C-alpha atoms as a PDB file:
ATOM      1  CA  UNK A   1       0.000   0.000   0.000  1.00  0.00           C
ATOM      2  CA  UNK A   2       1.160   3.542  -0.688  1.00  0.00           C
ATOM      3  CA  UNK A   3      -0.271   6.468   1.256  1.00  0.00           C
ATOM      4  CA  UNK A   4       0.479  10.178   0.855  1.00  0.00           C
ATOM      5  CA  UNK A   5      -0.393  12.508   3.721  1.00  0.00           C
ATOM      6  CA  UNK A   6       0.099  16.216   4.314  1.00  0.00           C
ATOM      7  CA  UNK A   7       1.638  15.578   7.740  1.00  0.00           C
ATOM      8  CA  UNK A   8       3.165  12.840   9.843  1.00  0.00           C
ATOM      9  CA  UNK A   9       0.372  13.344  12.365  1.00  0.00           C
ATOM     10  CA  UNK A  10      -2.262  12.677   9.677  1.00  0.00           C
ATOM     11  CA  UNK A  11      -0.603   9.367   8.784  1.00  0.00           C
ATOM     12  CA  UNK A  12      -0.201   8.338  12.421  1.00  0.00           C
ATOM     13  CA  UNK A  13      -3.886   9.059  13.089  1.00  0.00           C
ATOM     14  CA  UNK A  14      -5.016   6.954  10.093  1.00  0.00           C
ATOM     15  CA  UNK A  15      -2.621   4.147  11.002  1.00  0.00           C
ATOM     16  CA  UNK A  16      -3.639   4.092  14.664  1.00  0.00           C
ATOM     17  CA  UNK A  17      -7.378   4.625  14.384  1.00  0.00           C
ATOM     18  CA  UNK A  18      -8.273   2.878  11.118  1.00  0.00           C
ATOM     19  CA  UNK A  19      -5.592   0.641   9.657  1.00  0.00           C
ATOM     20  CA  UNK A  20      -4.180  -0.825  12.866  1.00  0.00           C
ATOM     21  CA  UNK A  21      -7.454  -2.160  14.267  1.00  0.00           C
ATOM     22  CA  UNK A  22      -8.501  -3.482  10.851  1.00  0.00           C
ATOM     23  CA  UNK A  23      -5.207  -5.293  10.318  1.00  0.00           C
ATOM     24  CA  UNK A  24      -5.360  -6.844  13.768  1.00  0.00           C
ATOM     25  CA  UNK A  25      -8.698  -8.429  12.850  1.00  0.00           C
ATOM     26  CA  UNK A  26      -7.443  -9.928   9.574  1.00  0.00           C
ATOM     27  CA  UNK A  27      -3.755 -10.777  10.070  1.00  0.00           C
ATOM     28  CA  UNK A  28      -2.081 -13.727  11.688  1.00  0.00           C
ATOM     29  CA  UNK A  29      -0.897 -12.157  14.944  1.00  0.00           C
ATOM     30  CA  UNK A  30       2.300 -14.255  14.921  1.00  0.00           C
ATOM     31  CA  UNK A  31       3.582 -12.272  11.921  1.00  0.00           C
ATOM     32  CA  UNK A  32       3.565  -8.925  13.726  1.00  0.00           C
ATOM     33  CA  UNK A  33       2.811  -5.550  12.142  1.00  0.00           C
ATOM     34  CA  UNK A  34       3.656  -4.915   8.480  1.00  0.00           C
ATOM     35  CA  UNK A  35       6.953  -3.257   7.602  1.00  0.00           C
ATOM     36  CA  UNK A  36       6.644   0.512   7.225  1.00  0.00           C
ATOM     37  CA  UNK A  37       8.869   2.777   5.118  1.00  0.00           C
ATOM     38  CA  UNK A  38       8.587   6.563   5.289  1.00  0.00           C
ATOM     39  CA  UNK A  39       9.852   8.963   2.629  1.00  0.00           C
ATOM     40  CA  UNK A  40       9.580  12.704   3.165  1.00  0.00           C
ATOM     41  CA  UNK A  41       8.817  14.794   0.089  1.00  0.00           C
ATOM     42  CA  UNK A  42       9.404  18.541  -0.188  1.00  0.00           C
ATOM     43  CA  UNK A  43       7.344  20.530  -2.680  1.00  0.00           C
ATOM     44  CA  UNK A  44       9.145  23.558  -4.099  1.00  0.00           C
ATOM     45  CA  UNK A  45       6.557  24.893  -6.508  1.00  0.00           C
ATOM     46  CA  UNK A  46       3.017  24.465  -7.722  1.00  0.00           C
ATOM     47  CA  UNK A  47       1.807  24.005 -11.265  1.00  0.00           C
END
């Protein structure tokens, strides 16, 4: 999955309140949480 958010806080809220509980219901708990990679993007101009 790829997700783009305007702030780290926005991502953490979605992950904690929506994705986390949903994944806990569907995943094998012995596997642990999915691997997460974060890439920060700076926008220098607008079209």
